[in-house]
PDB file of all heavy atoms in Angstrom:
ATOM      1  N   ALA A   1       0.801  -1.218   0.000  1.00  0.00           N
ATOM      2  CA  ALA A   1       0.000   0.000   0.000  1.00  0.00           C
ATOM      3  C   ALA A   1       0.838   1.274   0.000  1.00  0.00           C
ATOM      4  O   ALA A   1       0.290   2.362  -0.157  1.00  0.00           O
ATOM      5  CB  ALA A   1      -0.935   0.003   1.207  1.00  0.00           C
ATOM      6  N   ASP A   2       2.159   1.143   0.168  1.00  0.00           N
ATOM      7  CA  ASP A   2       3.008   2.342   0.238  1.00  0.00           C
ATOM      8  C   ASP A   2       3.797   2.585  -1.042  1.00  0.00           C
ATOM      9  O   ASP A   2       4.858   3.195  -1.017  1.00  0.00           O
ATOM     10  CB  ASP A   2       3.959   2.257   1.436  1.00  0.00           C
ATOM     11  CG  ASP A   2       4.958   1.115   1.321  1.00  0.00           C
ATOM     12  OD1 ASP A   2       4.805   0.266   0.416  1.00  0.00           O
ATOM     13  OD2 ASP A   2       5.900   1.071   2.130  1.00  0.00           O
ATOM     14  N   MET A   3       3.258   2.120  -2.185  1.00  0.00           N
ATOM     15  CA  MET A   3       3.903   2.355  -3.477  1.00  0.00           C
ATOM     16  C   MET A   3       2.952   3.164  -4.357  1.00  0.00           C
ATOM     17  O   MET A   3       2.279   2.615  -5.243  1.00  0.00           O
ATOM     18  CB  MET A   3       4.295   1.030  -4.138  1.00  0.00           C
ATOM     19  CG  MET A   3       5.342   0.253  -3.366  1.00  0.00           C
ATOM     20  SD  MET A   3       5.816  -1.309  -4.178  1.00  0.00           S
ATOM     21  CE  MET A   3       6.646  -0.705  -5.667  1.00  0.00           C
ATOM     22  N   PRO A   4       2.868   4.474  -4.149  1.00  0.00           N
ATOM     23  CA  PRO A   4       1.830   5.281  -4.799  1.00  0.00           C
ATOM     24  C   PRO A   4       1.978   5.449  -6.299  1.00  0.00           C
ATOM     25  O   PRO A   4       1.036   5.910  -6.955  1.00  0.00           O
ATOM     26  CB  PRO A   4       1.942   6.632  -4.082  1.00  0.00           C
ATOM     27  CG  PRO A   4       3.342   6.679  -3.575  1.00  0.00           C
ATOM     28  CD  PRO A   4       3.673   5.259  -3.202  1.00  0.00           C
ATOM     29  N   ARG A   5       3.113   5.084  -6.860  1.00  0.00           N
ATOM     30  CA  ARG A   5       3.271   5.238  -8.311  1.00  0.00           C
ATOM     31  C   ARG A   5       2.908   3.972  -9.084  1.00  0.00           C
ATOM     32  O   ARG A   5       3.030   3.933 -10.315  1.00  0.00           O
ATOM     33  CB  ARG A   5       4.699   5.668  -8.637  1.00  0.00           C
ATOM     34  CG  ARG A   5       4.946   7.122  -8.238  1.00  0.00           C
ATOM     35  CD  ARG A   5       6.299   7.608  -8.642  1.00  0.00           C
ATOM     36  NE  ARG A   5       6.437   9.039  -8.369  1.00  0.00           N
ATOM     37  CZ  ARG A   5       7.588   9.663  -8.246  1.00  0.00           C
ATOM     38  NH1 ARG A   5       8.717   8.981  -8.376  1.00  0.00           N
ATOM     39  NH2 ARG A   5       7.638  10.949  -7.996  1.00  0.00           N
ATOM     40  N   VAL A   6       2.452   2.954  -8.378  1.00  0.00           N
ATOM     41  CA  VAL A   6       1.922   1.774  -9.054  1.00  0.00           C
ATOM     42  C   VAL A   6       0.517   2.103  -9.547  1.00  0.00           C
ATOM     43  O   VAL A   6      -0.346   2.504  -8.761  1.00  0.00           O
ATOM     44  CB  VAL A   6       1.895   0.558  -8.105  1.00  0.00           C
ATOM     45  CG1 VAL A   6       1.106  -0.591  -8.725  1.00  0.00           C
ATOM     46  CG2 VAL A   6       3.310   0.112  -7.784  1.00  0.00           C
ATOM     47  N   THR A   7       0.294   1.956 -10.834  1.00  0.00           N
ATOM     48  CA  THR A   7      -0.963   2.381 -11.444  1.00  0.00           C
ATOM     49  C   THR A   7      -1.839   1.193 -11.818  1.00  0.00           C
ATOM     50  O   THR A   7      -1.378   0.047 -11.876  1.00  0.00           O
ATOM     51  CB  THR A   7      -0.687   3.184 -12.718  1.00  0.00           C
ATOM     52  OG1 THR A   7      -0.060   2.306 -13.683  1.00  0.00           O
ATOM     53  CG2 THR A   7       0.224   4.380 -12.446  1.00  0.00           C
ATOM     54  N   ALA A   8      -3.100   1.505 -12.115  1.00  0.00           N
ATOM     55  CA  ALA A   8      -4.020   0.476 -12.598  1.00  0.00           C
ATOM     56  C   ALA A   8      -3.503  -0.156 -13.886  1.00  0.00           C
ATOM     57  O   ALA A   8      -3.649  -1.365 -14.095  1.00  0.00           O
ATOM     58  CB  ALA A   8      -5.400   1.088 -12.820  1.00  0.00           C
ATOM     59  N   GLU A   9      -2.892   0.646 -14.726  1.00  0.00           N
ATOM     60  CA  GLU A   9      -2.372   0.127 -15.996  1.00  0.00           C
ATOM     61  C   GLU A   9      -1.267  -0.895 -15.753  1.00  0.00           C
ATOM     62  O   GLU A   9      -1.176  -1.910 -16.466  1.00  0.00           O
ATOM     63  CB  GLU A   9      -1.853   1.276 -16.857  1.00  0.00           C
ATOM     64  CG  GLU A   9      -2.922   2.210 -17.395  1.00  0.00           C
ATOM     65  CD  GLU A   9      -3.502   3.148 -16.342  1.00  0.00           C
ATOM     66  OE1 GLU A   9      -2.857   3.365 -15.293  1.00  0.00           O
ATOM     67  OE2 GLU A   9      -4.621   3.656 -16.574  1.00  0.00           O
ATOM     68  N   MET A  10      -0.424  -0.650 -14.773  1.00  0.00           N
ATOM     69  CA  MET A  10       0.639  -1.610 -14.449  1.00  0.00           C
ATOM     70  C   MET A  10       0.053  -2.922 -13.946  1.00  0.00           C
ATOM     71  O   MET A  10       0.471  -4.013 -14.365  1.00  0.00           O
ATOM     72  CB  MET A  10       1.574  -1.009 -13.399  1.00  0.00           C
ATOM     73  CG  MET A  10       2.403   0.149 -13.900  1.00  0.00           C
ATOM     74  SD  MET A  10       3.253   1.070 -12.568  1.00  0.00           S
ATOM     75  CE  MET A  10       4.320  -0.209 -11.898  1.00  0.00           C
ATOM     76  N   LEU A  11      -0.930  -2.836 -13.066  1.00  0.00           N
ATOM     77  CA  LEU A  11      -1.562  -4.045 -12.538  1.00  0.00           C
ATOM     78  C   LEU A  11      -2.255  -4.824 -13.655  1.00  0.00           C
ATOM     79  O   LEU A  11      -2.154  -6.054 -13.717  1.00  0.00           O
ATOM     80  CB  LEU A  11      -2.570  -3.668 -11.452  1.00  0.00           C
ATOM     81  CG  LEU A  11      -1.995  -2.936 -10.237  1.00  0.00           C
ATOM     82  CD1 LEU A  11      -3.120  -2.479  -9.319  1.00  0.00           C
ATOM     83  CD2 LEU A  11      -0.999  -3.808  -9.483  1.00  0.00           C
ATOM     84  N   ALA A  12      -2.941  -4.103 -14.527  1.00  0.00           N
ATOM     85  CA  ALA A  12      -3.623  -4.766 -15.637  1.00  0.00           C
ATOM     86  C   ALA A  12      -2.626  -5.461 -16.565  1.00  0.00           C
ATOM     87  O   ALA A  12      -2.915  -6.531 -17.123  1.00  0.00           O
ATOM     88  CB  ALA A  12      -4.462  -3.756 -16.417  1.00  0.00           C
ATOM     89  N   ARG A  13      -1.459  -4.885 -16.718  1.00  0.00           N
ATOM     90  CA  ARG A  13      -0.434  -5.489 -17.583  1.00  0.00           C
ATOM     91  C   ARG A  13       0.047  -6.820 -17.001  1.00  0.00           C
ATOM     92  O   ARG A  13       0.280  -7.786 -17.745  1.00  0.00           O
ATOM     93  CB  ARG A  13       0.739  -4.525 -17.758  1.00  0.00           C
ATOM     94  CG  ARG A  13       1.815  -5.016 -18.708  1.00  0.00           C
ATOM     95  CD  ARG A  13       1.261  -5.232 -20.098  1.00  0.00           C
ATOM     96  NE  ARG A  13       2.275  -5.763 -21.005  1.00  0.00           N
ATOM     97  CZ  ARG A  13       2.029  -6.673 -21.953  1.00  0.00           C
ATOM     98  NH1 ARG A  13       0.811  -7.160 -22.120  1.00  0.00           N
ATOM     99  NH2 ARG A  13       3.005  -7.097 -22.727  1.00  0.00           N
ATOM    100  N   LEU A  14       0.184  -6.901 -15.679  1.00  0.00           N
ATOM    101  CA  LEU A  14       0.563  -8.173 -15.055  1.00  0.00           C
ATOM    102  C   LEU A  14      -0.484  -9.240 -15.349  1.00  0.00           C
ATOM    103  O   LEU A  14      -0.154 -10.387 -15.680  1.00  0.00           O
ATOM    104  CB  LEU A  14       0.712  -7.995 -13.544  1.00  0.00           C
ATOM    105  CG  LEU A  14       1.825  -7.065 -13.047  1.00  0.00           C
ATOM    106  CD1 LEU A  14       1.771  -6.965 -11.524  1.00  0.00           C
ATOM    107  CD2 LEU A  14       3.200  -7.536 -13.496  1.00  0.00           C
ATOM    108  N   VAL A  15      -1.751  -8.858 -15.240  1.00  0.00           N
ATOM    109  CA  VAL A  15      -2.832  -9.811 -15.501  1.00  0.00           C
ATOM    110  C   VAL A  15      -2.834 -10.240 -16.971  1.00  0.00           C
ATOM    111  O   VAL A  15      -3.013 -11.415 -17.291  1.00  0.00           O
ATOM    112  CB  VAL A  15      -4.190  -9.204 -15.106  1.00  0.00           C
ATOM    113  CG1 VAL A  15      -5.332 -10.157 -15.460  1.00  0.00           C
ATOM    114  CG2 VAL A  15      -4.219  -8.889 -13.615  1.00  0.00           C
ATOM    115  N   GLU A  16      -2.621  -9.289 -17.854  1.00  0.00           N
ATOM    116  CA  GLU A  16      -2.577  -9.615 -19.283  1.00  0.00           C
ATOM    117  C   GLU A  16      -1.499 -10.651 -19.590  1.00  0.00           C
ATOM    118  O   GLU A  16      -1.730 -11.608 -20.331  1.00  0.00           O
ATOM    119  CB  GLU A  16      -2.308  -8.345 -20.100  1.00  0.00           C
ATOM    120  CG  GLU A  16      -3.471  -7.387 -20.166  1.00  0.00           C
ATOM    121  CD  GLU A  16      -3.074  -6.057 -20.766  1.00  0.00           C
ATOM    122  OE1 GLU A  16      -1.900  -5.925 -21.210  1.00  0.00           O
ATOM    123  OE2 GLU A  16      -3.915  -5.132 -20.795  1.00  0.00           O
ATOM    124  N   ARG A  17      -0.321 -10.464 -19.015  1.00  0.00           N
ATOM    125  CA  ARG A  17       0.780 -11.404 -19.266  1.00  0.00           C
ATOM    126  C   ARG A  17       0.480 -12.772 -18.656  1.00  0.00           C
ATOM    127  O   ARG A  17       0.856 -13.805 -19.214  1.00  0.00           O
ATOM    128  CB  ARG A  17       2.086 -10.841 -18.719  1.00  0.00           C
ATOM    129  CG  ARG A  17       2.594  -9.634 -19.473  1.00  0.00           C
ATOM    130  CD  ARG A  17       2.965  -9.992 -20.905  1.00  0.00           C
ATOM    131  NE  ARG A  17       4.200 -10.768 -20.973  1.00  0.00           N
ATOM    132  CZ  ARG A  17       4.461 -11.708 -21.868  1.00  0.00           C
ATOM    133  NH1 ARG A  17       3.554 -12.066 -22.757  1.00  0.00           N
ATOM    134  NH2 ARG A  17       5.627 -12.334 -21.855  1.00  0.00           N
ATOM    135  N   PHE A  18      -0.207 -12.788 -17.524  1.00  0.00           N
ATOM    136  CA  PHE A  18      -0.617 -14.057 -16.928  1.00  0.00           C
ATOM    137  C   PHE A  18      -1.576 -14.802 -17.855  1.00  0.00           C
ATOM    138  O   PHE A  18      -1.423 -16.011 -18.094  1.00  0.00           O
ATOM    139  CB  PHE A  18      -1.270 -13.788 -15.576  1.00  0.00           C
ATOM    140  CG  PHE A  18      -1.899 -14.997 -14.941  1.00  0.00           C
ATOM    141  CD1 PHE A  18      -1.135 -16.093 -14.577  1.00  0.00           C
ATOM    142  CD2 PHE A  18      -3.265 -15.040 -14.702  1.00  0.00           C
ATOM    143  CE1 PHE A  18      -1.715 -17.214 -13.992  1.00  0.00           C
ATOM    144  CE2 PHE A  18      -3.854 -16.141 -14.116  1.00  0.00           C
ATOM    145  CZ  PHE A  18      -3.079 -17.229 -13.759  1.00  0.00           C
ATOM    146  N   ILE A  19      -2.542 -14.091 -18.397  1.00  0.00           N
ATOM    147  CA  ILE A  19      -3.509 -14.719 -19.306  1.00  0.00           C
ATOM    148  C   ILE A  19      -2.831 -15.180 -20.585  1.00  0.00           C
ATOM    149  O   ILE A  19      -3.129 -16.257 -21.111  1.00  0.00           O
ATOM    150  CB  ILE A  19      -4.662 -13.738 -19.601  1.00  0.00           C
ATOM    151  CG1 ILE A  19      -5.488 -13.515 -18.323  1.00  0.00           C
ATOM    152  CG2 ILE A  19      -5.546 -14.237 -20.725  1.00  0.00           C
ATOM    153  CD1 ILE A  19      -6.521 -12.408 -18.426  1.00  0.00           C
ATOM    154  N   GLU A  20      -1.880 -14.395 -21.064  1.00  0.00           N
ATOM    155  CA  GLU A  20      -1.177 -14.743 -22.306  1.00  0.00           C
ATOM    156  C   GLU A  20      -0.272 -15.959 -22.145  1.00  0.00           C
ATOM    157  O   GLU A  20      -0.162 -16.783 -23.047  1.00  0.00           O
ATOM    158  CB  GLU A  20      -0.334 -13.559 -22.781  1.00  0.00           C
ATOM    159  CG  GLU A  20      -1.134 -12.372 -23.277  1.00  0.00           C
ATOM    160  CD  GLU A  20      -0.281 -11.113 -23.401  1.00  0.00           C
ATOM    161  OE1 GLU A  20       0.931 -11.152 -23.099  1.00  0.00           O
ATOM    162  OE2 GLU A  20      -0.850 -10.080 -23.803  1.00  0.00           O
ATOM    163  N   THR A  21       0.395 -16.056 -21.002  1.00  0.00           N
ATOM    164  CA  THR A  21       1.455 -17.057 -20.845  1.00  0.00           C
ATOM    165  C   THR A  21       1.098 -18.218 -19.925  1.00  0.00           C
ATOM    166  O   THR A  21       1.695 -19.296 -20.036  1.00  0.00           O
ATOM    167  CB  THR A  21       2.727 -16.398 -20.279  1.00  0.00           C
ATOM    168  OG1 THR A  21       2.472 -15.953 -18.936  1.00  0.00           O
ATOM    169  CG2 THR A  21       3.160 -15.213 -21.150  1.00  0.00           C
ATOM    170  N   GLY A  22       0.176 -18.006 -18.986  1.00  0.00           N
ATOM    171  CA  GLY A  22      -0.106 -19.038 -17.999  1.00  0.00           C
ATOM    172  C   GLY A  22       1.019 -19.235 -17.000  1.00  0.00           C
ATOM    173  O   GLY A  22       1.028 -20.226 -16.265  1.00  0.00           O
ATOM    174  N   ALA A  23       1.960 -18.309 -16.944  1.00  0.00           N
ATOM    175  CA  ALA A  23       3.093 -18.435 -16.017  1.00  0.00           C
ATOM    176  C   ALA A  23       2.607 -18.407 -14.573  1.00  0.00           C
ATOM    177  O   ALA A  23       1.692 -17.654 -14.241  1.00  0.00           O
ATOM    178  CB  ALA A  23       4.091 -17.294 -16.240  1.00  0.00           C
ATOM    179  N   PRO A  24       3.209 -19.195 -13.688  1.00  0.00           N
ATOM    180  CA  PRO A  24       2.777 -19.193 -12.292  1.00  0.00           C
ATOM    181  C   PRO A  24       3.132 -17.915 -11.542  1.00  0.00           C
ATOM    182  O   PRO A  24       2.525 -17.611 -10.520  1.00  0.00           O
ATOM    183  CB  PRO A  24       3.506 -20.398 -11.690  1.00  0.00           C
ATOM    184  CG  PRO A  24       4.713 -20.580 -12.551  1.00  0.00           C
ATOM    185  CD  PRO A  24       4.276 -20.183 -13.934  1.00  0.00           C
ATOM    186  N   ILE A  25       4.113 -17.168 -12.063  1.00  0.00           N
ATOM    187  CA  ILE A  25       4.507 -15.894 -11.446  1.00  0.00           C
ATOM    188  C   ILE A  25       4.724 -14.860 -12.554  1.00  0.00           C
ATOM    189  O   ILE A  25       5.442 -15.132 -13.525  1.00  0.00           O
ATOM    190  CB  ILE A  25       5.803 -16.028 -10.623  1.00  0.00           C
ATOM    191  CG1 ILE A  25       5.618 -17.025  -9.476  1.00  0.00           C
ATOM    192  CG2 ILE A  25       6.237 -14.666 -10.079  1.00  0.00           C
ATOM    193  CD1 ILE A  25       6.889 -17.306  -8.692  1.00  0.00           C
ATOM    194  N   VAL A  26       4.113 -13.711 -12.390  1.00  0.00           N
ATOM    195  CA  VAL A  26       4.384 -12.576 -13.278  1.00  0.00           C
ATOM    196  C   VAL A  26       4.876 -11.448 -12.377  1.00  0.00           C
ATOM    197  O   VAL A  26       4.152 -10.974 -11.496  1.00  0.00           O
ATOM    198  CB  VAL A  26       3.136 -12.143 -14.064  1.00  0.00           C
ATOM    199  CG1 VAL A  26       3.496 -11.013 -15.017  1.00  0.00           C
ATOM    200  CG2 VAL A  26       2.538 -13.320 -14.837  1.00  0.00           C
ATOM    201  N   ALA A  27       6.115 -11.050 -12.586  1.00  0.00           N
ATOM    202  CA  ALA A  27       6.795 -10.129 -11.672  1.00  0.00           C
ATOM    203  C   ALA A  27       7.088  -8.796 -12.339  1.00  0.00           C
ATOM    204  O   ALA A  27       7.289  -8.721 -13.555  1.00  0.00           O
ATOM    205  CB  ALA A  27       8.098 -10.756 -11.180  1.00  0.00           C
ATOM    206  N   SER A  28       7.132  -7.758 -11.534  1.00  0.00           N
ATOM    207  CA  SER A  28       7.473  -6.417 -12.007  1.00  0.00           C
ATOM    208  C   SER A  28       8.986  -6.239 -12.034  1.00  0.00           C
ATOM    209  O   SER A  28       9.686  -6.665 -11.117  1.00  0.00           O
ATOM    210  CB  SER A  28       6.858  -5.364 -11.078  1.00  0.00           C
ATOM    211  OG  SER A  28       5.464  -5.495 -11.019  1.00  0.00           O
TER     212      SER A  28
END
């Protein structure tokens, strides 16, 4: 909760890569 520059777009990108790849971990 203390990372104020993390945006909705960044979070959505992690989800997109998970859906695309099925990887068990998608990391920033």
